[in-house]
């Protein structure tokens, strides 16, 4: 099986700087796994790595998609698997858990955009009615009745003969992966989040959101959403900042639980003085294994 190194962790845990050092040490190439950083123009708010910070390490899947285009987990899965096959030592770095799992595990996705016409056609029908019709077509399906978008998508697939219940199991990993999670104490995390947000605001985050707003582009990622609400007058700047920190903390907690339960990573203290040495030894041992 192809070996893949994965570095994950919350905002402010030092994934970027550590990955650069490790990539230099092991001649690795970095594959971005942040679902926001794939888009062009979302630089400050996504904390996208600057060109001078890359230190000549090759990076993939940064700035690859226009904001007018759709880039789903399907596209990410396809692109990452292609890159893994091409790169001698691939290193995936980021924090979007579903994207990483979709790339590494036996997930199946169908390439299809949301069918707005299909949604409009059924907009007056209740979730219960749609679910009833769905189970007639796909009796073994298990799905959240309250998730209307997913419910409609499953119904649409079933009508096309693509039963969601017949998809392959998703718990089988396709690669030999070393997954390292950089852990941060909650109180330290909050401080890091506040410091990062202040840097982003000083770097022109509000102006970045303003430009998007002028183009009638509304990004729903954390930070962009709240600052757009500030520009709309729904929040004061202080309220927007508090909402960003609150959402970021909630996401970090959710992602940590998710990674621990789903991907069983090697947990390393992000603030340890020996973090680099610990990660280096783990990767060294991993790459030597046959």
C-alpha atoms as a PDB file:
ATOM      1  CA  UNK A   1       0.000   0.000   0.000  1.00  0.00           C
ATOM      2  CA  UNK A   2       1.167   3.527  -0.785  1.00  0.00           C
ATOM      3  CA  UNK A   3       2.351   5.395   2.308  1.00  0.00           C
ATOM      4  CA  UNK A   4       0.732   8.750   3.084  1.00  0.00           C
ATOM      5  CA  UNK A   5       1.608  11.177   5.882  1.00  0.00           C
ATOM      6  CA  UNK A   6      -1.263  13.271   7.264  1.00  0.00           C
ATOM      7  CA  UNK A   7      -0.912  16.296   9.572  1.00  0.00           C
ATOM      8  CA  UNK A   8      -4.156  17.560  11.113  1.00  0.00           C
ATOM      9  CA  UNK A   9      -5.228  19.695  14.047  1.00  0.00           C
ATOM     10  CA  UNK A  10      -7.143  22.814  15.016  1.00  0.00           C
ATOM     11  CA  UNK A  11      -6.515  26.373  13.855  1.00  0.00           C
ATOM     12  CA  UNK A  12      -3.363  27.753  15.454  1.00  0.00           C
ATOM     13  CA  UNK A  13      -1.799  24.372  16.230  1.00  0.00           C
ATOM     14  CA  UNK A  14       1.175  24.983  13.931  1.00  0.00           C
ATOM     15  CA  UNK A  15       0.324  22.539  11.148  1.00  0.00           C
ATOM     16  CA  UNK A  16       1.810  24.762   8.450  1.00  0.00           C
ATOM     17  CA  UNK A  17       5.217  25.405  10.029  1.00  0.00           C
ATOM     18  CA  UNK A  18       5.632  21.796  11.189  1.00  0.00           C
ATOM     19  CA  UNK A  19       4.662  20.397   7.790  1.00  0.00           C
ATOM     20  CA  UNK A  20       7.267  22.592   6.060  1.00  0.00           C
ATOM     21  CA  UNK A  21      10.039  21.343   8.363  1.00  0.00           C
ATOM     22  CA  UNK A  22       8.969  17.727   7.954  1.00  0.00           C
ATOM     23  CA  UNK A  23       8.559  18.025   4.190  1.00  0.00           C
ATOM     24  CA  UNK A  24      12.131  19.302   3.965  1.00  0.00           C
ATOM     25  CA  UNK A  25      13.385  16.431   6.091  1.00  0.00           C
ATOM     26  CA  UNK A  26      11.599  13.697   4.128  1.00  0.00           C
ATOM     27  CA  UNK A  27      11.491  15.256   0.624  1.00  0.00           C
ATOM     28  CA  UNK A  28       7.699  15.301   0.789  1.00  0.00           C
ATOM     29  CA  UNK A  29       5.213  17.312  -1.234  1.00  0.00           C
ATOM     30  CA  UNK A  30       2.282  18.910   0.582  1.00  0.00           C
ATOM     31  CA  UNK A  31      -1.341  18.407  -0.444  1.00  0.00           C
ATOM     32  CA  UNK A  32      -3.695  21.012   0.992  1.00  0.00           C
ATOM     33  CA  UNK A  33      -6.744  19.492   2.705  1.00  0.00           C
ATOM     34  CA  UNK A  34      -8.485  22.704   3.741  1.00  0.00           C
ATOM     35  CA  UNK A  35     -11.747  22.969   1.803  1.00  0.00           C
ATOM     36  CA  UNK A  36     -11.602  26.792   1.804  1.00  0.00           C
ATOM     37  CA  UNK A  37      -7.986  27.167   0.685  1.00  0.00           C
ATOM     38  CA  UNK A  38      -8.661  25.443  -2.626  1.00  0.00           C
ATOM     39  CA  UNK A  39     -10.473  28.622  -3.736  1.00  0.00           C
ATOM     40  CA  UNK A  40      -8.812  31.617  -5.323  1.00  0.00           C
ATOM     41  CA  UNK A  41      -9.297  34.911  -3.503  1.00  0.00           C
ATOM     42  CA  UNK A  42      -9.917  33.441  -0.041  1.00  0.00           C
ATOM     43  CA  UNK A  43      -6.474  34.197   1.299  1.00  0.00           C
ATOM     44  CA  UNK A  44      -6.539  36.112   4.572  1.00  0.00           C
ATOM     45  CA  UNK A  45      -9.656  34.507   6.039  1.00  0.00           C
ATOM     46  CA  UNK A  46      -8.460  30.979   5.316  1.00  0.00           C
ATOM     47  CA  UNK A  47      -4.929  31.696   6.627  1.00  0.00           C
ATOM     48  CA  UNK A  48      -3.557  30.456   3.316  1.00  0.00           C
ATOM     49  CA  UNK A  49       0.195  29.943   3.292  1.00  0.00           C
ATOM     50  CA  UNK A  50       2.124  32.765   1.607  1.00  0.00           C
ATOM     51  CA  UNK A  51       4.538  32.037  -1.223  1.00  0.00           C
ATOM     52  CA  UNK A  52       7.614  32.988   0.830  1.00  0.00           C
ATOM     53  CA  UNK A  53       6.489  30.676   3.653  1.00  0.00           C
ATOM     54  CA  UNK A  54       6.524  27.624   1.392  1.00  0.00           C
ATOM     55  CA  UNK A  55      10.344  27.570   1.417  1.00  0.00           C
ATOM     56  CA  UNK A  56      10.434  25.908  -2.015  1.00  0.00           C
ATOM     57  CA  UNK A  57       8.322  22.976  -0.820  1.00  0.00           C
ATOM     58  CA  UNK A  58       5.882  21.956  -3.535  1.00  0.00           C
ATOM     59  CA  UNK A  59       2.241  22.533  -2.548  1.00  0.00           C
ATOM     60  CA  UNK A  60      -0.840  21.151  -4.282  1.00  0.00           C
ATOM     61  CA  UNK A  61      -4.552  22.093  -4.298  1.00  0.00           C
ATOM     62  CA  UNK A  62      -4.074  25.718  -3.272  1.00  0.00           C
ATOM     63  CA  UNK A  63      -5.827  28.395  -5.367  1.00  0.00           C
ATOM     64  CA  UNK A  64      -7.007  25.822  -7.892  1.00  0.00           C
ATOM     65  CA  UNK A  65     -10.689  26.761  -8.137  1.00  0.00           C
ATOM     66  CA  UNK A  66     -12.492  29.980  -9.047  1.00  0.00           C
ATOM     67  CA  UNK A  67     -15.171  31.132  -6.610  1.00  0.00           C
ATOM     68  CA  UNK A  68     -17.681  30.834  -9.447  1.00  0.00           C
ATOM     69  CA  UNK A  69     -16.958  27.118  -9.817  1.00  0.00           C
ATOM     70  CA  UNK A  70     -18.132  24.209  -7.702  1.00  0.00           C
ATOM     71  CA  UNK A  71     -15.545  22.071  -5.951  1.00  0.00           C
ATOM     72  CA  UNK A  72     -17.043  19.260  -3.923  1.00  0.00           C
ATOM     73  CA  UNK A  73     -15.659  16.441  -1.826  1.00  0.00           C
ATOM     74  CA  UNK A  74     -15.950  14.312  -4.988  1.00  0.00           C
ATOM     75  CA  UNK A  75     -13.500  16.560  -6.839  1.00  0.00           C
ATOM     76  CA  UNK A  76     -11.151  16.654  -3.843  1.00  0.00           C
ATOM     77  CA  UNK A  77     -11.184  12.869  -3.531  1.00  0.00           C
ATOM     78  CA  UNK A  78     -10.384  12.432  -7.213  1.00  0.00           C
ATOM     79  CA  UNK A  79      -7.602  15.052  -7.207  1.00  0.00           C
ATOM     80  CA  UNK A  80      -5.927  13.829  -4.020  1.00  0.00           C
ATOM     81  CA  UNK A  81      -5.890  10.191  -5.088  1.00  0.00           C
ATOM     82  CA  UNK A  82      -4.316  11.204  -8.391  1.00  0.00           C
ATOM     83  CA  UNK A  83      -1.665  13.234  -6.553  1.00  0.00           C
ATOM     84  CA  UNK A  84      -0.929  10.424  -4.093  1.00  0.00           C
ATOM     85  CA  UNK A  85      -0.177   8.139  -7.027  1.00  0.00           C
ATOM     86  CA  UNK A  86       2.181  10.707  -8.578  1.00  0.00           C
ATOM     87  CA  UNK A  87       4.076  11.914  -5.487  1.00  0.00           C
ATOM     88  CA  UNK A  88       6.819   9.800  -3.940  1.00  0.00           C
ATOM     89  CA  UNK A  89       6.207  11.060  -0.383  1.00  0.00           C
ATOM     90  CA  UNK A  90       2.744  12.679  -0.179  1.00  0.00           C
ATOM     91  CA  UNK A  91       1.907  14.712   2.928  1.00  0.00           C
ATOM     92  CA  UNK A  92      -1.708  15.813   3.400  1.00  0.00           C
ATOM     93  CA  UNK A  93      -2.068  18.885   5.622  1.00  0.00           C
ATOM     94  CA  UNK A  94      -5.304  20.481   6.769  1.00  0.00           C
ATOM     95  CA  UNK A  95      -8.322  20.288   8.961  1.00  0.00           C
ATOM     96  CA  UNK A  96     -11.347  19.310   6.889  1.00  0.00           C
ATOM     97  CA  UNK A  97     -11.994  15.823   8.267  1.00  0.00           C
ATOM     98  CA  UNK A  98     -14.565  14.626   5.739  1.00  0.00           C
ATOM     99  CA  UNK A  99     -12.333  15.581   2.828  1.00  0.00           C
ATOM    100  CA  UNK A 100      -9.339  13.739   4.275  1.00  0.00           C
ATOM    101  CA  UNK A 101     -11.353  10.641   5.089  1.00  0.00           C
ATOM    102  CA  UNK A 102     -12.984  10.672   1.657  1.00  0.00           C
ATOM    103  CA  UNK A 103      -9.559  10.729   0.013  1.00  0.00           C
ATOM    104  CA  UNK A 104      -8.047   7.968   2.139  1.00  0.00           C
ATOM    105  CA  UNK A 105     -10.983   5.639   2.703  1.00  0.00           C
ATOM    106  CA  UNK A 106     -13.262   3.643   0.434  1.00  0.00           C
ATOM    107  CA  UNK A 107     -15.856   6.349   0.018  1.00  0.00           C
ATOM    108  CA  UNK A 108     -17.937   6.578  -3.141  1.00  0.00           C
ATOM    109  CA  UNK A 109     -19.183   9.889  -4.456  1.00  0.00           C
ATOM    110  CA  UNK A 110     -21.232  10.665  -7.536  1.00  0.00           C
ATOM    111  CA  UNK A 111     -20.164  13.579  -9.690  1.00  0.00           C
ATOM    112  CA  UNK A 112     -23.270  15.715  -9.833  1.00  0.00           C
ATOM    113  CA  UNK A 113     -24.200  19.293  -9.095  1.00  0.00           C
ATOM    114  CA  UNK A 114     -27.232  20.104  -7.034  1.00  0.00           C
ATOM    115  CA  UNK A 115     -30.275  19.884  -9.249  1.00  0.00           C
ATOM    116  CA  UNK A 116     -32.096  23.092  -8.369  1.00  0.00           C
ATOM    117  CA  UNK A 117     -35.001  22.192 -10.650  1.00  0.00           C
ATOM    118  CA  UNK A 118     -35.442  18.897  -8.797  1.00  0.00           C
ATOM    119  CA  UNK A 119     -35.443  20.707  -5.452  1.00  0.00           C
ATOM    120  CA  UNK A 120     -37.977  23.263  -6.649  1.00  0.00           C
ATOM    121  CA  UNK A 121     -40.197  20.545  -8.072  1.00  0.00           C
ATOM    122  CA  UNK A 122     -40.475  18.967  -4.612  1.00  0.00           C
ATOM    123  CA  UNK A 123     -40.324  22.106  -2.465  1.00  0.00           C
ATOM    124  CA  UNK A 124     -43.968  21.802  -1.354  1.00  0.00           C
ATOM    125  CA  UNK A 125     -43.601  18.166  -0.286  1.00  0.00           C
ATOM    126  CA  UNK A 126     -42.782  17.308   3.324  1.00  0.00           C
ATOM    127  CA  UNK A 127     -39.652  15.428   4.381  1.00  0.00           C
ATOM    128  CA  UNK A 128     -41.875  12.597   5.579  1.00  0.00           C
ATOM    129  CA  UNK A 129     -43.499  12.205   2.149  1.00  0.00           C
ATOM    130  CA  UNK A 130     -40.151  12.267   0.345  1.00  0.00           C
ATOM    131  CA  UNK A 131     -38.760   9.750   2.820  1.00  0.00           C
ATOM    132  CA  UNK A 132     -41.734   7.452   2.276  1.00  0.00           C
ATOM    133  CA  UNK A 133     -41.165   7.514  -1.482  1.00  0.00           C
ATOM    134  CA  UNK A 134     -37.436   7.006  -0.972  1.00  0.00           C
ATOM    135  CA  UNK A 135     -37.783   3.847   1.111  1.00  0.00           C
ATOM    136  CA  UNK A 136     -40.077   2.388  -1.531  1.00  0.00           C
ATOM    137  CA  UNK A 137     -37.164   2.673  -3.957  1.00  0.00           C
ATOM    138  CA  UNK A 138     -34.376   1.964  -1.484  1.00  0.00           C
ATOM    139  CA  UNK A 139     -35.813  -0.037   1.479  1.00  0.00           C
ATOM    140  CA  UNK A 140     -32.447  -0.496   3.234  1.00  0.00           C
ATOM    141  CA  UNK A 141     -31.446   3.148   3.317  1.00  0.00           C
ATOM    142  CA  UNK A 142     -30.642   4.831   6.624  1.00  0.00           C
ATOM    143  CA  UNK A 143     -30.814   8.612   6.451  1.00  0.00           C
ATOM    144  CA  UNK A 144     -31.470  11.639   8.642  1.00  0.00           C
ATOM    145  CA  UNK A 145     -35.103  12.577   8.041  1.00  0.00           C
ATOM    146  CA  UNK A 146     -34.426  16.198   9.028  1.00  0.00           C
ATOM    147  CA  UNK A 147     -31.585  16.729   6.559  1.00  0.00           C
ATOM    148  CA  UNK A 148     -33.715  17.843   3.607  1.00  0.00           C
ATOM    149  CA  UNK A 149     -30.862  18.418   1.188  1.00  0.00           C
ATOM    150  CA  UNK A 150     -29.420  14.949   1.756  1.00  0.00           C
ATOM    151  CA  UNK A 151     -32.887  13.425   1.681  1.00  0.00           C
ATOM    152  CA  UNK A 152     -33.649  15.002  -1.703  1.00  0.00           C
ATOM    153  CA  UNK A 153     -30.273  13.957  -3.074  1.00  0.00           C
ATOM    154  CA  UNK A 154     -30.817  10.349  -1.986  1.00  0.00           C
ATOM    155  CA  UNK A 155     -34.302  10.387  -3.533  1.00  0.00           C
ATOM    156  CA  UNK A 156     -32.918  11.818  -6.765  1.00  0.00           C
ATOM    157  CA  UNK A 157     -30.228   9.115  -6.858  1.00  0.00           C
ATOM    158  CA  UNK A 158     -32.769   6.379  -6.139  1.00  0.00           C
ATOM    159  CA  UNK A 159     -34.929   7.560  -9.039  1.00  0.00           C
ATOM    160  CA  UNK A 160     -31.845   7.210 -11.239  1.00  0.00           C
ATOM    161  CA  UNK A 161     -31.313   3.668  -9.961  1.00  0.00           C
ATOM    162  CA  UNK A 162     -28.360   4.607  -7.733  1.00  0.00           C
ATOM    163  CA  UNK A 163     -29.310   3.229  -4.330  1.00  0.00           C
ATOM    164  CA  UNK A 164     -27.341   4.892  -1.552  1.00  0.00           C
ATOM    165  CA  UNK A 165     -27.716   1.817   0.677  1.00  0.00           C
ATOM    166  CA  UNK A 166     -25.759  -0.259  -1.846  1.00  0.00           C
ATOM    167  CA  UNK A 167     -22.642   1.895  -1.704  1.00  0.00           C
ATOM    168  CA  UNK A 168     -19.477   0.228  -0.532  1.00  0.00           C
ATOM    169  CA  UNK A 169     -18.467   0.242   3.112  1.00  0.00           C
ATOM    170  CA  UNK A 170     -16.628   3.412   4.062  1.00  0.00           C
ATOM    171  CA  UNK A 171     -14.420   2.049   6.829  1.00  0.00           C
ATOM    172  CA  UNK A 172     -11.736   0.469   4.665  1.00  0.00           C
ATOM    173  CA  UNK A 173      -8.608   2.544   4.213  1.00  0.00           C
ATOM    174  CA  UNK A 174      -6.976   2.469   0.793  1.00  0.00           C
ATOM    175  CA  UNK A 175      -3.511   3.625   1.839  1.00  0.00           C
ATOM    176  CA  UNK A 176      -0.980   3.013   4.579  1.00  0.00           C
ATOM    177  CA  UNK A 177      -1.477   6.300   6.410  1.00  0.00           C
ATOM    178  CA  UNK A 178       0.259   7.855   9.390  1.00  0.00           C
ATOM    179  CA  UNK A 179      -2.155  10.431  10.801  1.00  0.00           C
ATOM    180  CA  UNK A 180      -0.691  12.939  13.257  1.00  0.00           C
ATOM    181  CA  UNK A 181      -3.038  15.193  15.221  1.00  0.00           C
ATOM    182  CA  UNK A 182      -1.568  18.335  16.804  1.00  0.00           C
ATOM    183  CA  UNK A 183      -3.470  18.772  20.025  1.00  0.00           C
ATOM    184  CA  UNK A 184      -4.032  22.070  21.842  1.00  0.00           C
ATOM    185  CA  UNK A 185      -5.478  22.652  25.288  1.00  0.00           C
ATOM    186  CA  UNK A 186      -8.833  24.458  25.058  1.00  0.00           C
ATOM    187  CA  UNK A 187      -7.682  27.565  26.919  1.00  0.00           C
ATOM    188  CA  UNK A 188      -4.550  27.806  24.779  1.00  0.00           C
ATOM    189  CA  UNK A 189      -6.639  27.245  21.662  1.00  0.00           C
ATOM    190  CA  UNK A 190      -8.872  30.213  22.480  1.00  0.00           C
ATOM    191  CA  UNK A 191      -5.841  32.469  22.936  1.00  0.00           C
ATOM    192  CA  UNK A 192      -4.395  31.264  19.625  1.00  0.00           C
ATOM    193  CA  UNK A 193      -7.696  31.867  17.851  1.00  0.00           C
ATOM    194  CA  UNK A 194      -7.956  35.418  19.192  1.00  0.00           C
ATOM    195  CA  UNK A 195      -4.361  36.200  18.212  1.00  0.00           C
ATOM    196  CA  UNK A 196      -4.860  34.792  14.725  1.00  0.00           C
ATOM    197  CA  UNK A 197      -8.077  36.723  14.169  1.00  0.00           C
ATOM    198  CA  UNK A 198      -6.407  39.995  15.197  1.00  0.00           C
ATOM    199  CA  UNK A 199      -3.585  39.320  12.727  1.00  0.00           C
ATOM    200  CA  UNK A 200      -6.100  38.596   9.978  1.00  0.00           C
ATOM    201  CA  UNK A 201      -7.999  41.805  10.678  1.00  0.00           C
ATOM    202  CA  UNK A 202      -4.745  43.783  10.608  1.00  0.00           C
ATOM    203  CA  UNK A 203      -3.835  42.114   7.312  1.00  0.00           C
ATOM    204  CA  UNK A 204      -7.098  43.288   5.709  1.00  0.00           C
ATOM    205  CA  UNK A 205      -9.628  40.516   6.328  1.00  0.00           C
ATOM    206  CA  UNK A 206     -12.545  42.974   6.325  1.00  0.00           C
ATOM    207  CA  UNK A 207     -11.430  44.405   2.973  1.00  0.00           C
ATOM    208  CA  UNK A 208     -11.227  40.874   1.578  1.00  0.00           C
ATOM    209  CA  UNK A 209     -14.834  40.242   2.615  1.00  0.00           C
ATOM    210  CA  UNK A 210     -15.879  43.658   1.229  1.00  0.00           C
ATOM    211  CA  UNK A 211     -14.460  42.829  -2.194  1.00  0.00           C
ATOM    212  CA  UNK A 212     -16.315  39.518  -2.218  1.00  0.00           C
ATOM    213  CA  UNK A 213     -19.504  41.301  -1.196  1.00  0.00           C
ATOM    214  CA  UNK A 214     -19.104  43.794  -4.051  1.00  0.00           C
ATOM    215  CA  UNK A 215     -18.944  40.809  -6.431  1.00  0.00           C
ATOM    216  CA  UNK A 216     -22.081  39.407  -4.779  1.00  0.00           C
ATOM    217  CA  UNK A 217     -20.075  36.459  -3.463  1.00  0.00           C
ATOM    218  CA  UNK A 218     -21.067  35.255  -0.005  1.00  0.00           C
ATOM    219  CA  UNK A 219     -18.740  32.726   1.587  1.00  0.00           C
ATOM    220  CA  UNK A 220     -20.250  30.672   4.408  1.00  0.00           C
ATOM    221  CA  UNK A 221     -16.938  29.630   5.967  1.00  0.00           C
ATOM    222  CA  UNK A 222     -16.191  30.736   9.527  1.00  0.00           C
ATOM    223  CA  UNK A 223     -14.952  34.306   9.594  1.00  0.00           C
ATOM    224  CA  UNK A 224     -16.285  35.264   6.187  1.00  0.00           C
ATOM    225  CA  UNK A 225     -19.865  34.683   7.256  1.00  0.00           C
ATOM    226  CA  UNK A 226     -19.626  36.710  10.461  1.00  0.00           C
ATOM    227  CA  UNK A 227     -17.737  39.625   8.888  1.00  0.00           C
ATOM    228  CA  UNK A 228     -20.304  39.735   6.107  1.00  0.00           C
ATOM    229  CA  UNK A 229     -22.986  40.031   8.789  1.00  0.00           C
ATOM    230  CA  UNK A 230     -20.940  42.869  10.317  1.00  0.00           C
ATOM    231  CA  UNK A 231     -20.870  44.660   6.948  1.00  0.00           C
ATOM    232  CA  UNK A 232     -24.631  44.111   6.650  1.00  0.00           C
ATOM    233  CA  UNK A 233     -25.109  45.796  10.025  1.00  0.00           C
ATOM    234  CA  UNK A 234     -26.323  42.661  11.809  1.00  0.00           C
ATOM    235  CA  UNK A 235     -23.284  42.587  14.105  1.00  0.00           C
ATOM    236  CA  UNK A 236     -20.970  45.145  15.647  1.00  0.00           C
ATOM    237  CA  UNK A 237     -17.318  44.322  14.968  1.00  0.00           C
ATOM    238  CA  UNK A 238     -16.932  43.097  18.544  1.00  0.00           C
ATOM    239  CA  UNK A 239     -19.970  40.817  18.166  1.00  0.00           C
ATOM    240  CA  UNK A 240     -18.621  39.483  14.863  1.00  0.00           C
ATOM    241  CA  UNK A 241     -15.242  38.731  16.453  1.00  0.00           C
ATOM    242  CA  UNK A 242     -16.893  36.949  19.384  1.00  0.00           C
ATOM    243  CA  UNK A 243     -19.047  34.913  16.989  1.00  0.00           C
ATOM    244  CA  UNK A 244     -15.974  33.905  14.950  1.00  0.00           C
ATOM    245  CA  UNK A 245     -14.106  32.707  18.048  1.00  0.00           C
ATOM    246  CA  UNK A 246     -17.156  30.838  19.336  1.00  0.00           C
ATOM    247  CA  UNK A 247     -17.722  29.064  15.992  1.00  0.00           C
ATOM    248  CA  UNK A 248     -14.021  28.263  15.653  1.00  0.00           C
ATOM    249  CA  UNK A 249     -13.909  26.701  19.126  1.00  0.00           C
ATOM    250  CA  UNK A 250     -17.030  24.664  18.415  1.00  0.00           C
ATOM    251  CA  UNK A 251     -15.582  23.404  15.124  1.00  0.00           C
ATOM    252  CA  UNK A 252     -12.249  22.540  16.751  1.00  0.00           C
ATOM    253  CA  UNK A 253     -13.975  20.478  19.447  1.00  0.00           C
ATOM    254  CA  UNK A 254     -16.132  18.703  16.871  1.00  0.00           C
ATOM    255  CA  UNK A 255     -13.178  17.961  14.587  1.00  0.00           C
ATOM    256  CA  UNK A 256     -11.016  16.647  17.431  1.00  0.00           C
ATOM    257  CA  UNK A 257     -13.733  14.214  18.523  1.00  0.00           C
ATOM    258  CA  UNK A 258     -14.313  13.223  14.903  1.00  0.00           C
ATOM    259  CA  UNK A 259     -10.639  12.563  14.147  1.00  0.00           C
ATOM    260  CA  UNK A 260     -10.126  10.593  17.361  1.00  0.00           C
ATOM    261  CA  UNK A 261     -13.178   8.403  16.762  1.00  0.00           C
ATOM    262  CA  UNK A 262     -12.940   7.993  13.000  1.00  0.00           C
ATOM    263  CA  UNK A 263      -9.237   8.021  12.156  1.00  0.00           C
ATOM    264  CA  UNK A 264      -7.437   7.146  15.422  1.00  0.00           C
ATOM    265  CA  UNK A 265      -4.473   9.498  14.929  1.00  0.00           C
ATOM    266  CA  UNK A 266      -1.194   9.743  16.780  1.00  0.00           C
ATOM    267  CA  UNK A 267      -1.919  12.565  19.250  1.00  0.00           C
ATOM    268  CA  UNK A 268       0.974  14.976  19.787  1.00  0.00           C
ATOM    269  CA  UNK A 269       1.071  18.060  21.996  1.00  0.00           C
ATOM    270  CA  UNK A 270       1.257  21.010  19.602  1.00  0.00           C
ATOM    271  CA  UNK A 271       3.145  23.094  22.187  1.00  0.00           C
ATOM    272  CA  UNK A 272       5.680  20.447  23.173  1.00  0.00           C
ATOM    273  CA  UNK A 273       9.300  21.567  22.923  1.00  0.00           C
ATOM    274  CA  UNK A 274      10.074  18.216  21.333  1.00  0.00           C
ATOM    275  CA  UNK A 275       7.155  18.223  18.865  1.00  0.00           C
ATOM    276  CA  UNK A 276       9.341  18.214  15.766  1.00  0.00           C
ATOM    277  CA  UNK A 277      11.542  15.407  17.090  1.00  0.00           C
ATOM    278  CA  UNK A 278       8.492  13.312  18.046  1.00  0.00           C
ATOM    279  CA  UNK A 279       6.874  13.784  14.641  1.00  0.00           C
ATOM    280  CA  UNK A 280      10.163  13.155  12.862  1.00  0.00           C
ATOM    281  CA  UNK A 281      10.736   9.855  14.699  1.00  0.00           C
ATOM    282  CA  UNK A 282       7.173   8.724  14.039  1.00  0.00           C
ATOM    283  CA  UNK A 283       7.477   9.439  10.312  1.00  0.00           C
ATOM    284  CA  UNK A 284      10.930   7.893  10.108  1.00  0.00           C
ATOM    285  CA  UNK A 285       9.685   4.676  11.659  1.00  0.00           C
ATOM    286  CA  UNK A 286       6.533   4.740   9.498  1.00  0.00           C
ATOM    287  CA  UNK A 287       8.424   5.115   6.218  1.00  0.00           C
ATOM    288  CA  UNK A 288      10.807   2.285   7.120  1.00  0.00           C
ATOM    289  CA  UNK A 289       7.973  -0.143   7.759  1.00  0.00           C
ATOM    290  CA  UNK A 290       7.277  -2.596   4.940  1.00  0.00           C
END
